[in-house]
Amino acid sequence: MPVATVATRPFEGQKPGTSGLRKKVKTFQQPHYLENFVQSIFDILEGFEGKTLVLGGDGRFHNREAIQTILKMAAANGFGRVLVGQGGILSTPAASCVIRKHAAFGGIILSASHNPGGPDEDFGIKYNATNGGPAPEKLTEAIFARSREITAYRIAEAGPVDLDALGTRALDGMAVEVIDPVADYAELMETLFDFDAIRDLFAGSFRMCFDGMHAVTGPYAHAILEGRLGAPAGTVINGTPLPDFGGGHPDPNLVHAHDLVAAVDAPDGPDFGAASDGDGDRNMVIGKTFFVTPSDSLAVIAANAALAPGYAGALAGIARSMPTSQAPDRVAKALEIPCYETPTGWKFFGNLLDAGRATLCGEESFGTGSAHVREKDGLWAVLFWLNILAKRRQSVAEIVQDHWRTFGRNYYSRHDYEGVDSDAADGVMVHLRGRLSGLSGTRLGRYEVAFADDFAYTDPVDGSITRNQGVRIGFTDGSRIVYRLSGTGTEGATLRVYVERFEPDPDRHDQPTQQALADLITIANDTAEIAARTGRDKPTVIT
């Protein structure tokens, strides 16, 4: 088949974020837009001729069309084989699993994570490297620089590939293998967790509800929970991926997964609830009238890791993103292993995992994972909780409350101000950075400031330094306030404010979270002048 070299203009627009390029679908539908970015990826990569590329996405609107384009471009640029998920489906952690298992050169994942989908909503693309993890910053910088100068791309003049039938077919001399998107991932999970114990749990009176949110993890949950583990049919709800996620927002939190929360909290509802997001890398776990914060979830998993066969040996270490609460630090101290504090972004965990310095890692933004892949993994976290529940035979609340009695409780909450005017959001951060030098040693309300800084991270593996990762205000009693801007949205900016207070006294562990943090929340808002600078008198989402 002939290969066309198509003239195009240099890529224009905002620099891609740490999770790749995310824009509105209509932006990606512009002539040559997707092709520009894909060719920029291929132009920067070296030595992939004849090698294997993994390709798939979360099934959102424009997923299939983009895959057809990328397949033709991969063939024109010299890849030898592409492994693509059936129907174009491949969760982000499953893509990492497939890259690693099949020793692929890398992979292209199509997703805008937990952002809404549909013709007027969001789409995204990112490249994952040979280790299965997000491309390192040096590579993403090079891709973006290339996209600003590119003038042509290569694409095979070929018809569409059947993405629904399993098997291998040829495309301009390149093999396209349509694979079961679940099989490799499910086999990996079975090596990590005690599936027999979880089967026994489901064989009793235990019931759970998993909300796939009409996103990518539905097929995985059906196959693993209802298939391999024997959970009753109907355990998985909203399990069919839809291009618009059924009109919902596939972000597993108390606001957007409200139907799941209501189901579990009902008197005759299930014992355990869980949800995952658009591309399958985030998770939420809840018990009866009991929400487990992502920070506590990581800490509980670490404290109970030996209950899972894949983690029965000593943990090498724990890693958490800087805004995540310090609950995992207390477990690491008890286990006498290191706990690393990194910037937000899974690629920072990748170095620690590859070097064998960490086994478990997590972010407060509902992302938890381990060395089994190089992405956060929503269903993995749910299976870990099922393994713990199967072994301990306690409720979710009892397990977490036991944890607090042992390690103390870190009251913790994140306040998101979404869609804030970008200039106003930047103004908040400029204002805060201007106050840093004068805060140390002062008092804010009843709290004495121990330190105030703009977080910088020196990677212990490669020595690289990452600066300006968020403003931290730490108090002498261990409490903290953190401010940062998120790059996961496509409209305006999201200002995130994190508030944390440590409570060692078990008699004070039953306070409502927002009540326990009320004075710190007021201090956080007043110090940053949020209302005056953004016009917002309350957050969009509180978790």
Protein backbone atom coordinates (compact mmCIF):
# COMPACT_ATOMS: atom_id res chain seq x y z
CA MET A 1 0.00 0.00 0.00
CA PRO A 2 1.30 3.50 -0.72
CA VAL A 3 2.40 5.84 2.04
CA ALA A 4 1.43 9.49 1.89
CA THR A 5 3.57 12.30 3.25
CA VAL A 6 1.04 14.98 4.10
CA ALA A 7 2.02 18.61 4.47
CA THR A 8 0.83 20.28 7.62
CA ARG A 9 1.39 23.30 9.83
CA PRO A 10 3.30 23.28 13.11
CA PHE A 11 1.25 22.39 16.15
CA GLU A 12 -0.16 25.37 17.99
CA GLY A 13 -1.59 25.56 21.43
CA GLN A 14 -0.94 25.01 25.10
CA LYS A 15 1.89 22.73 26.14
CA PRO A 16 0.68 19.21 27.02
CA GLY A 17 0.47 18.45 30.73
CA THR A 18 2.06 15.65 32.71
CA SER A 19 -0.69 13.27 31.54
CA GLY A 20 -0.31 14.00 27.84
CA LEU A 21 -2.34 16.20 25.50
CA ARG A 22 -5.95 16.85 26.50
CA LYS A 23 -8.33 19.03 24.51
CA LYS A 24 -11.93 19.12 23.41
CA VAL A 25 -12.97 16.49 20.86
CA LYS A 26 -13.61 19.19 18.28
CA THR A 27 -9.99 20.31 18.62
CA PHE A 28 -8.76 16.79 17.87
CA GLN A 29 -11.19 16.59 14.93
CA GLN A 30 -9.48 19.50 13.20
CA PRO A 31 -7.63 18.46 10.04
CA HIS A 32 -4.11 17.16 10.83
CA TYR A 33 -4.31 17.96 14.57
CA LEU A 34 -4.05 14.41 15.92
CA GLU A 35 -1.65 13.47 13.12
CA ASN A 36 0.71 16.31 14.03
CA PHE A 37 1.06 15.11 17.59
CA VAL A 38 1.38 11.42 16.72
CA GLN A 39 4.05 12.13 14.12
CA SER A 40 5.89 14.24 16.69
CA ILE A 41 5.96 11.21 19.00
CA PHE A 42 7.31 8.98 16.23
CA ASP A 43 9.89 11.59 15.14
CA ILE A 44 11.37 11.76 18.63
CA LEU A 45 11.47 8.01 19.28
CA GLU A 46 14.51 6.07 18.08
CA GLY A 47 15.01 2.42 17.23
CA PHE A 48 11.36 1.34 16.99
CA GLU A 49 11.52 0.01 13.41
CA GLY A 50 10.04 -3.46 13.38
CA LYS A 51 9.15 -3.26 17.08
CA THR A 52 5.79 -3.59 18.87
CA LEU A 53 3.48 -0.72 19.83
CA VAL A 54 0.53 -1.10 22.22
CA LEU A 55 -2.57 0.94 21.42
CA GLY A 56 -5.96 1.43 23.05
CA GLY A 57 -8.15 3.79 24.99
CA ASP A 58 -11.07 4.21 27.35
CA GLY A 59 -13.78 4.03 24.68
CA ARG A 60 -14.75 7.68 24.85
CA PHE A 61 -16.07 9.58 21.83
CA HIS A 62 -13.50 9.71 18.97
CA ASN A 63 -11.56 6.71 20.35
CA ARG A 64 -12.15 4.40 17.38
CA GLU A 65 -11.49 7.08 14.78
CA ALA A 66 -8.21 8.08 16.43
CA ILE A 67 -7.07 4.45 16.63
CA GLN A 68 -7.60 3.96 12.89
CA THR A 69 -5.46 7.02 12.19
CA ILE A 70 -2.70 5.95 14.56
CA LEU A 71 -2.60 2.43 13.09
CA LYS A 72 -2.03 3.80 9.60
CA MET A 73 0.63 6.18 10.87
CA ALA A 74 2.40 3.42 12.84
CA ALA A 75 2.57 1.33 9.66
CA ALA A 76 3.87 4.25 7.61
CA ASN A 77 6.55 5.01 10.19
CA GLY A 78 7.93 1.48 10.39
CA PHE A 79 6.50 -0.30 13.42
CA GLY A 80 6.42 -4.07 12.95
CA ARG A 81 3.38 -4.88 15.07
CA VAL A 82 0.62 -3.12 16.99
CA LEU A 83 -1.29 -4.80 19.82
CA VAL A 84 -4.67 -3.08 20.03
CA GLY A 85 -7.45 -3.80 22.50
CA GLN A 86 -10.62 -5.33 21.08
CA GLY A 87 -13.08 -2.60 20.22
CA GLY A 88 -10.31 -0.09 20.83
CA ILE A 89 -10.64 -0.72 24.58
CA LEU A 90 -7.62 -0.88 26.87
CA SER A 91 -7.53 0.57 30.37
CA THR A 92 -4.48 2.60 31.27
CA PRO A 93 -3.13 0.06 33.82
CA ALA A 94 -3.90 -2.81 31.42
CA ALA A 95 -1.96 -1.00 28.69
CA SER A 96 1.00 -0.78 31.05
CA CYS A 97 0.61 -4.48 31.81
CA VAL A 98 0.54 -5.41 28.10
CA ILE A 99 3.58 -3.24 27.32
CA ARG A 100 5.57 -4.95 30.05
CA LYS A 101 4.39 -8.52 29.40
CA HIS A 102 5.01 -8.40 25.65
CA ALA A 103 8.23 -6.36 25.87
CA ALA A 104 6.71 -3.73 23.60
CA PHE A 105 8.68 -0.67 22.54
CA GLY A 106 5.99 1.52 24.08
CA GLY A 107 2.33 2.39 23.85
CA ILE A 108 -0.13 5.12 22.94
CA ILE A 109 -3.09 5.51 25.29
CA LEU A 110 -6.16 7.50 24.30
CA SER A 111 -7.95 8.98 27.27
CA ALA A 112 -8.78 12.15 29.10
CA SER A 113 -8.80 10.20 32.37
CA HIS A 114 -11.76 11.14 34.58
CA ASN A 115 -12.94 14.04 32.39
CA PRO A 116 -16.38 13.81 30.71
CA GLY A 117 -16.73 12.28 27.24
CA GLY A 118 -18.91 13.04 24.22
CA PRO A 119 -18.80 15.09 21.01
CA ASP A 120 -18.58 18.35 22.98
CA GLU A 121 -16.38 17.01 25.77
CA ASP A 122 -12.77 15.90 26.22
CA PHE A 123 -10.25 13.67 24.49
CA GLY A 124 -6.60 12.94 25.18
CA ILE A 125 -3.50 11.11 24.05
CA LYS A 126 -0.26 10.16 25.78
CA TYR A 127 2.79 8.02 25.13
CA ASN A 128 3.98 5.36 27.58
CA ALA A 129 7.57 4.16 27.50
CA THR A 130 9.11 0.67 27.46
CA ASN A 131 8.72 0.24 31.21
CA GLY A 132 4.96 0.70 30.79
CA GLY A 133 4.92 4.07 32.52
CA PRO A 134 4.21 7.61 31.33
CA ALA A 135 6.94 9.11 29.21
CA PRO A 136 9.59 10.93 31.28
CA GLU A 137 9.59 14.70 31.21
CA LYS A 138 12.65 14.86 28.96
CA LEU A 139 10.76 12.89 26.30
CA THR A 140 7.51 14.82 26.63
CA GLU A 141 9.43 18.09 26.31
CA ALA A 142 11.08 16.83 23.14
CA ILE A 143 7.74 15.70 21.68
CA PHE A 144 6.21 19.10 22.33
CA ALA A 145 9.18 20.92 20.83
CA ARG A 146 8.94 18.75 17.71
CA SER A 147 5.21 19.45 17.43
CA ARG A 148 5.98 23.17 17.18
CA GLU A 149 8.16 22.72 14.10
CA ILE A 150 6.68 19.74 12.25
CA THR A 151 5.66 20.34 8.61
CA ALA A 152 4.62 16.86 7.43
CA TYR A 153 3.44 13.47 8.66
CA ARG A 154 3.47 9.97 7.19
CA ILE A 155 0.34 7.84 6.89
CA ALA A 156 -0.51 4.66 5.00
CA GLU A 157 -3.24 4.98 2.40
CA ALA A 158 -5.27 2.05 3.67
CA GLY A 159 -8.80 1.22 4.71
CA PRO A 160 -9.98 0.76 8.30
CA VAL A 161 -8.95 -2.23 10.41
CA ASP A 162 -11.62 -4.44 12.01
CA LEU A 163 -11.17 -3.70 15.71
CA ASP A 164 -13.88 -6.06 16.93
CA ALA A 165 -12.61 -9.46 15.76
CA LEU A 166 -9.76 -11.01 17.73
CA GLY A 167 -6.78 -12.04 15.67
CA THR A 168 -4.00 -10.71 13.48
CA ARG A 169 -4.29 -8.93 10.16
CA ALA A 170 -1.83 -7.03 7.97
CA LEU A 171 -1.74 -3.30 7.40
CA ASP A 172 0.82 -2.16 4.84
CA GLY A 173 3.30 -4.81 6.00
CA MET A 174 2.65 -4.20 9.69
CA ALA A 175 0.85 -6.80 11.83
CA VAL A 176 -2.19 -5.54 13.71
CA GLU A 177 -3.14 -7.95 16.48
CA VAL A 178 -6.49 -7.33 18.11
CA ILE A 179 -6.21 -8.74 21.63
CA ASP A 180 -8.58 -9.49 24.48
CA PRO A 181 -8.08 -6.32 26.57
CA VAL A 182 -8.75 -8.14 29.85
CA ALA A 183 -6.81 -11.42 29.58
CA ASP A 184 -3.23 -10.33 30.35
CA TYR A 185 -4.36 -8.01 33.12
CA ALA A 186 -6.60 -10.61 34.78
CA GLU A 187 -3.81 -13.19 34.74
CA LEU A 188 -1.50 -10.70 36.46
CA MET A 189 -4.10 -9.96 39.16
CA GLU A 190 -4.44 -13.68 39.88
CA THR A 191 -0.71 -13.85 40.71
CA LEU A 192 -0.98 -10.98 43.20
CA PHE A 193 -4.09 -11.73 45.23
CA ASP A 194 -5.63 -14.71 46.99
CA PHE A 195 -8.47 -15.39 44.58
CA ASP A 196 -9.54 -18.50 46.53
CA ALA A 197 -10.05 -16.45 49.70
CA ILE A 198 -12.01 -13.81 47.79
CA ARG A 199 -14.16 -16.52 46.18
CA ASP A 200 -14.94 -17.81 49.66
CA LEU A 201 -15.89 -14.30 50.72
CA PHE A 202 -18.39 -14.00 47.88
CA ALA A 203 -19.69 -17.52 48.55
CA GLY A 204 -20.90 -16.35 51.97
CA SER A 205 -23.24 -13.47 52.77
CA PHE A 206 -20.78 -10.76 51.67
CA ARG A 207 -22.04 -8.47 48.90
CA MET A 208 -20.42 -5.65 47.00
CA CYS A 209 -21.29 -3.17 44.26
CA PHE A 210 -18.77 -2.03 41.67
CA ASP A 211 -19.69 1.02 39.59
CA GLY A 212 -17.95 0.96 36.21
CA MET A 213 -19.39 4.44 35.49
CA HIS A 214 -19.92 3.32 31.85
CA ALA A 215 -16.17 3.66 31.50
CA VAL A 216 -13.34 1.31 30.64
CA THR A 217 -13.21 -0.91 33.74
CA GLY A 218 -16.68 -2.38 33.23
CA PRO A 219 -15.44 -5.31 31.09
CA TYR A 220 -12.55 -5.91 33.50
CA ALA A 221 -14.84 -5.96 36.53
CA HIS A 222 -17.35 -8.25 34.83
CA ALA A 223 -14.59 -10.69 33.84
CA ILE A 224 -12.73 -10.69 37.16
CA LEU A 225 -15.34 -10.01 39.85
CA GLU A 226 -18.35 -11.80 38.37
CA GLY A 227 -16.30 -14.25 36.28
CA ARG A 228 -13.15 -15.46 37.99
CA LEU A 229 -14.18 -14.56 41.55
CA GLY A 230 -17.80 -15.68 41.43
CA ALA A 231 -19.49 -12.48 42.58
CA PRO A 232 -23.23 -12.61 41.80
CA ALA A 233 -24.45 -11.22 38.49
CA GLY A 234 -25.39 -7.61 39.01
CA THR A 235 -22.45 -6.90 41.30
CA VAL A 236 -21.09 -4.68 38.51
CA ILE A 237 -23.31 -1.76 37.56
CA ASN A 238 -22.86 0.65 34.66
CA GLY A 239 -20.42 -1.91 33.27
CA THR A 240 -20.72 -1.19 29.52
CA PRO A 241 -18.29 1.45 28.20
CA LEU A 242 -20.13 4.20 26.36
CA PRO A 243 -18.66 7.04 24.27
CA ASP A 244 -20.26 9.64 26.54
CA PHE A 245 -20.02 7.56 29.75
CA GLY A 246 -23.81 7.48 29.84
CA GLY A 247 -23.89 11.23 30.24
CA GLY A 248 -22.11 10.99 33.58
CA HIS A 249 -18.81 12.28 34.86
CA PRO A 250 -16.50 9.24 35.25
CA ASP A 251 -14.70 10.53 38.32
CA PRO A 252 -15.01 8.15 41.29
CA ASN A 253 -15.73 10.46 44.19
CA LEU A 254 -18.61 11.10 46.55
CA VAL A 255 -20.16 13.66 44.21
CA HIS A 256 -20.03 11.87 40.86
CA ALA A 257 -20.54 8.32 42.21
CA HIS A 258 -23.57 9.34 44.26
CA ASP A 259 -25.70 6.40 43.04
CA LEU A 260 -23.12 3.94 44.36
CA VAL A 261 -22.94 5.74 47.70
CA ALA A 262 -26.73 5.69 48.05
CA ALA A 263 -26.86 1.98 47.19
CA VAL A 264 -24.23 1.01 49.78
CA ASP A 265 -25.72 3.24 52.48
CA ALA A 266 -29.20 1.74 52.04
CA PRO A 267 -30.24 -0.54 54.96
CA ASP A 268 -30.32 -3.59 52.69
CA GLY A 269 -27.40 -2.45 50.55
CA PRO A 270 -24.09 -4.23 49.91
CA ASP A 271 -21.26 -4.40 52.44
CA PHE A 272 -18.64 -2.86 50.18
CA GLY A 273 -18.70 -0.39 47.33
CA ALA A 274 -16.10 0.58 44.77
CA ALA A 275 -15.79 2.56 41.58
CA SER A 276 -13.21 3.38 38.97
CA ASP A 277 -12.81 6.22 36.50
CA GLY A 278 -12.78 6.84 32.75
CA ASP A 279 -9.52 5.06 31.95
CA GLY A 280 -9.38 2.74 34.95
CA ASP A 281 -6.47 4.17 36.88
CA ARG A 282 -8.39 5.69 39.81
CA ASN A 283 -10.52 4.14 42.51
CA MET A 284 -12.91 4.88 45.32
CA VAL A 285 -13.71 2.39 48.10
CA ILE A 286 -16.50 2.76 50.65
CA GLY A 287 -18.18 0.74 53.37
CA LYS A 288 -21.54 1.21 55.04
CA THR A 289 -21.80 4.98 55.66
CA PHE A 290 -18.01 5.00 55.60
CA PHE A 291 -15.81 6.69 52.99
CA VAL A 292 -12.15 5.67 52.85
CA THR A 293 -9.93 8.57 51.81
CA PRO A 294 -7.32 7.67 49.17
CA SER A 295 -4.58 8.58 51.65
CA ASP A 296 -5.99 6.21 54.28
CA SER A 297 -6.53 3.57 51.62
CA LEU A 298 -2.83 3.57 50.72
CA ALA A 299 -1.89 3.43 54.40
CA VAL A 300 -4.28 0.53 55.15
CA ILE A 301 -3.09 -1.41 52.09
CA ALA A 302 0.53 -0.93 53.19
CA ALA A 303 -0.20 -2.02 56.76
CA ASN A 304 -2.00 -5.15 55.51
CA ALA A 305 0.14 -5.89 52.46
CA ALA A 306 1.38 -9.24 53.79
CA LEU A 307 -2.17 -10.63 53.51
CA ALA A 308 -1.85 -10.65 49.71
CA PRO A 309 0.43 -13.35 48.20
CA GLY A 310 2.10 -10.95 45.79
CA TYR A 311 3.17 -8.70 48.66
CA ALA A 312 3.93 -11.26 51.37
CA GLY A 313 7.61 -10.32 51.43
CA ALA A 314 8.98 -7.12 52.91
CA LEU A 315 7.97 -3.93 51.14
CA ALA A 316 10.88 -2.00 49.65
CA GLY A 317 9.25 1.33 50.45
CA ILE A 318 6.17 3.48 50.07
CA ALA A 319 5.87 6.55 47.86
CA ARG A 320 3.17 9.22 48.03
CA SER A 321 2.60 12.45 46.19
CA MET A 322 3.29 15.60 48.17
CA PRO A 323 -0.39 16.63 48.62
CA THR A 324 -1.33 13.15 49.87
CA SER A 325 -1.77 12.95 53.63
CA GLN A 326 1.03 11.74 55.86
CA ALA A 327 -0.89 8.62 56.95
CA PRO A 328 1.35 6.32 54.83
CA ASP A 329 4.44 7.85 56.43
CA ARG A 330 3.37 6.49 59.81
CA VAL A 331 3.01 2.97 58.43
CA ALA A 332 6.41 3.20 56.74
CA LYS A 333 7.98 4.28 60.02
CA ALA A 334 6.45 1.31 61.84
CA LEU A 335 7.67 -1.07 59.10
CA GLU A 336 11.11 0.59 59.13
CA ILE A 337 11.02 1.27 55.40
CA PRO A 338 11.41 4.58 53.55
CA CYS A 339 8.47 6.74 52.54
CA TYR A 340 9.15 9.05 49.59
CA GLU A 341 7.31 12.34 49.03
CA THR A 342 7.18 13.13 45.29
CA PRO A 343 5.52 15.70 43.05
CA THR A 344 2.10 14.85 41.67
CA GLY A 345 2.39 12.69 38.56
CA TRP A 346 2.83 8.94 38.28
CA LYS A 347 6.06 9.25 36.30
CA PHE A 348 7.83 10.31 39.51
CA PHE A 349 6.92 6.98 41.08
CA GLY A 350 8.25 5.17 38.02
CA ASN A 351 11.90 5.86 38.84
CA LEU A 352 11.44 4.59 42.40
CA LEU A 353 9.61 1.47 41.23
CA ASP A 354 12.13 0.70 38.48
CA ALA A 355 14.99 1.11 40.95
CA GLY A 356 13.34 -1.21 43.47
CA ARG A 357 13.10 1.52 46.09
CA ALA A 358 9.32 1.43 46.45
CA THR A 359 6.68 -1.29 46.25
CA LEU A 360 3.46 0.66 46.91
CA CYS A 361 2.59 4.18 45.86
CA GLY A 362 -0.38 6.48 45.77
CA GLU A 363 -1.86 9.90 45.24
CA GLU A 364 -4.65 11.65 47.09
CA SER A 365 -6.48 12.04 43.77
CA PHE A 366 -7.87 8.50 44.08
CA GLY A 367 -4.85 6.81 42.51
CA THR A 368 -3.11 3.83 44.10
CA GLY A 369 -0.71 1.28 42.65
CA SER A 370 2.39 -0.82 43.02
CA ALA A 371 5.37 -2.25 41.18
CA HIS A 372 3.14 -4.65 39.20
CA VAL A 373 2.68 -2.00 36.48
CA ARG A 374 3.85 1.58 36.01
CA GLU A 375 0.47 3.30 36.26
CA LYS A 376 -1.97 3.77 39.08
CA ASP A 377 -4.53 0.99 38.97
CA GLY A 378 -8.14 1.33 40.12
CA LEU A 379 -9.29 -2.28 39.95
CA TRP A 380 -6.03 -3.49 41.52
CA ALA A 381 -6.79 -1.33 44.57
CA VAL A 382 -10.32 -2.74 44.78
CA LEU A 383 -8.97 -6.31 44.59
CA PHE A 384 -6.45 -5.50 47.33
CA TRP A 385 -9.30 -4.34 49.56
CA LEU A 386 -11.25 -7.51 48.77
CA ASN A 387 -8.17 -9.55 49.71
CA ILE A 388 -7.94 -7.68 53.05
CA LEU A 389 -11.68 -8.08 53.70
CA ALA A 390 -11.50 -11.79 52.86
CA LYS A 391 -8.62 -12.37 55.28
CA ARG A 392 -9.69 -10.16 58.17
CA ARG A 393 -13.45 -10.76 57.96
CA GLN A 394 -14.18 -7.30 59.34
CA SER A 395 -16.15 -4.45 57.84
CA VAL A 396 -14.45 -1.60 56.02
CA ALA A 397 -15.16 0.72 58.96
CA GLU A 398 -13.74 -1.72 61.49
CA ILE A 399 -10.54 -2.18 59.50
CA VAL A 400 -9.94 1.56 59.12
CA GLN A 401 -10.84 2.34 62.72
CA ASP A 402 -8.43 -0.37 63.92
CA HIS A 403 -5.81 1.28 61.73
CA TRP A 404 -6.44 4.67 63.34
CA ARG A 405 -6.16 3.19 66.82
CA THR A 406 -2.74 1.81 65.88
CA PHE A 407 -1.31 4.70 63.88
CA GLY A 408 -3.46 7.72 64.73
CA ARG A 409 -5.85 9.48 62.39
CA ASN A 410 -4.91 12.04 59.76
CA TYR A 411 -8.03 14.12 59.22
CA TYR A 412 -7.75 15.13 55.59
CA SER A 413 -9.80 16.87 52.91
CA ARG A 414 -9.32 18.30 49.43
CA HIS A 415 -11.29 21.32 48.23
CA ASP A 416 -11.42 21.73 44.45
CA TYR A 417 -12.30 25.01 42.79
CA GLU A 418 -12.93 23.91 39.20
CA GLY A 419 -13.08 26.05 36.07
CA VAL A 420 -11.48 29.05 37.75
CA ASP A 421 -10.28 31.83 35.46
CA SER A 422 -6.66 30.93 34.71
CA ASP A 423 -5.31 34.39 35.49
CA ALA A 424 -7.17 34.46 38.79
CA ALA A 425 -5.90 31.00 39.75
CA ASP A 426 -2.34 31.99 38.85
CA GLY A 427 -2.82 35.12 40.94
CA VAL A 428 -3.63 33.05 44.01
CA MET A 429 -0.38 31.11 43.64
CA VAL A 430 1.67 34.27 43.00
CA HIS A 431 0.15 35.82 46.12
CA LEU A 432 0.98 32.75 48.22
CA ARG A 433 4.55 32.51 46.95
CA GLY A 434 5.02 36.15 47.80
CA ARG A 435 4.06 35.43 51.42
CA LEU A 436 6.29 32.40 51.99
CA SER A 437 9.32 34.10 53.44
CA GLY A 438 7.26 35.89 56.07
CA LEU A 439 5.20 32.94 57.30
CA SER A 440 7.74 30.74 59.09
CA GLY A 441 7.56 31.14 62.86
CA THR A 442 4.32 33.13 62.76
CA ARG A 443 0.91 32.05 64.00
CA LEU A 444 -2.15 31.51 61.84
CA GLY A 445 -5.05 31.27 64.26
CA ARG A 446 -4.03 28.78 66.96
CA TYR A 447 -1.43 27.13 64.72
CA GLU A 448 2.28 27.97 64.69
CA VAL A 449 3.91 27.78 61.27
CA ALA A 450 6.91 25.44 61.24
CA PHE A 451 7.75 25.91 57.56
CA ALA A 452 6.35 27.42 54.38
CA ASP A 453 7.77 26.59 50.96
CA ASP A 454 7.16 25.91 47.29
CA PHE A 455 7.78 22.17 47.11
CA ALA A 456 10.83 21.04 45.15
CA TYR A 457 11.83 17.40 44.63
CA THR A 458 15.25 15.92 44.05
CA ASP A 459 14.85 12.47 42.51
CA PRO A 460 16.91 10.02 44.61
CA VAL A 461 17.48 7.79 41.57
CA ASP A 462 18.64 10.16 38.82
CA GLY A 463 19.29 13.37 40.77
CA SER A 464 16.89 15.46 38.66
CA ILE A 465 15.23 18.42 40.37
CA THR A 466 11.57 19.38 39.91
CA ARG A 467 10.54 22.76 41.30
CA ASN A 468 7.38 24.80 41.91
CA GLN A 469 5.15 21.83 42.69
CA GLY A 470 2.81 23.50 45.14
CA VAL A 471 2.84 25.76 48.16
CA ARG A 472 3.07 23.99 51.53
CA ILE A 473 2.39 25.49 54.94
CA GLY A 474 3.38 23.11 57.73
CA PHE A 475 2.53 23.63 61.37
CA THR A 476 4.37 22.52 64.48
CA ASP A 477 1.68 19.98 65.41
CA GLY A 478 2.04 18.18 62.07
CA SER A 479 -0.94 19.82 60.40
CA ARG A 480 -0.57 21.06 56.83
CA ILE A 481 -2.19 23.22 54.18
CA VAL A 482 -1.19 22.65 50.54
CA TYR A 483 -2.16 24.64 47.45
CA ARG A 484 -1.58 23.66 43.85
CA LEU A 485 -3.06 24.08 40.39
CA SER A 486 -4.14 20.96 38.51
CA GLY A 487 -3.45 20.42 34.83
CA THR A 488 -6.14 17.78 34.26
CA GLY A 489 -8.89 20.07 33.01
CA THR A 490 -9.50 21.52 29.55
CA GLU A 491 -11.39 24.67 30.61
CA GLY A 492 -9.94 27.25 32.97
CA ALA A 493 -7.90 26.04 35.91
CA THR A 494 -8.57 23.87 38.93
CA LEU A 495 -7.27 25.23 42.22
CA ARG A 496 -6.83 22.45 44.76
CA VAL A 497 -6.54 23.15 48.48
CA TYR A 498 -5.52 20.29 50.80
CA VAL A 499 -6.03 20.48 54.56
CA GLU A 500 -4.66 17.95 57.05
CA ARG A 501 -4.59 17.55 60.83
CA PHE A 502 -3.14 14.64 62.79
CA GLU A 503 -5.12 13.34 65.76
CA PRO A 504 -3.38 10.71 67.94
CA ASP A 505 -6.19 10.40 70.51
CA PRO A 506 -8.56 7.49 69.65
CA ASP A 507 -11.32 9.19 71.63
CA ARG A 508 -11.27 12.01 69.08
CA HIS A 509 -11.35 9.90 65.91
CA ASP A 510 -15.10 10.08 65.36
CA GLN A 511 -15.42 13.77 64.50
CA PRO A 512 -16.91 14.68 61.10
CA THR A 513 -13.95 15.51 58.85
CA GLN A 514 -15.02 19.01 57.82
CA GLN A 515 -15.78 19.85 61.44
CA ALA A 516 -12.39 18.58 62.61
CA LEU A 517 -10.71 20.70 59.94
CA ALA A 518 -12.95 23.77 60.16
CA ASP A 519 -10.39 26.17 61.64
CA LEU A 520 -7.68 25.08 59.20
CA ILE A 521 -10.08 25.45 56.26
CA THR A 522 -10.81 29.03 57.32
CA ILE A 523 -7.09 29.72 57.65
CA ALA A 524 -6.45 28.20 54.22
CA ASN A 525 -9.09 30.34 52.52
CA ASP A 526 -8.09 33.55 54.31
CA THR A 527 -4.35 33.08 53.74
CA ALA A 528 -4.82 32.56 49.99
CA GLU A 529 -7.58 35.20 49.66
CA ILE A 530 -9.50 32.69 47.54
CA ALA A 531 -12.90 34.39 47.62
CA ALA A 532 -11.53 37.83 46.81
CA ARG A 533 -9.22 36.62 44.05
CA THR A 534 -11.44 34.01 42.34
CA GLY A 535 -14.97 35.13 43.18
CA ARG A 536 -15.67 31.65 44.59
CA ASP A 537 -17.17 31.48 48.05
CA LYS A 538 -17.12 27.67 48.19
CA PRO A 539 -15.40 24.74 46.45
CA THR A 540 -16.94 22.90 43.51
CA VAL A 541 -16.09 19.51 45.01
CA ILE A 542 -15.05 18.50 48.52
CA THR A 543 -13.47 15.09 49.06
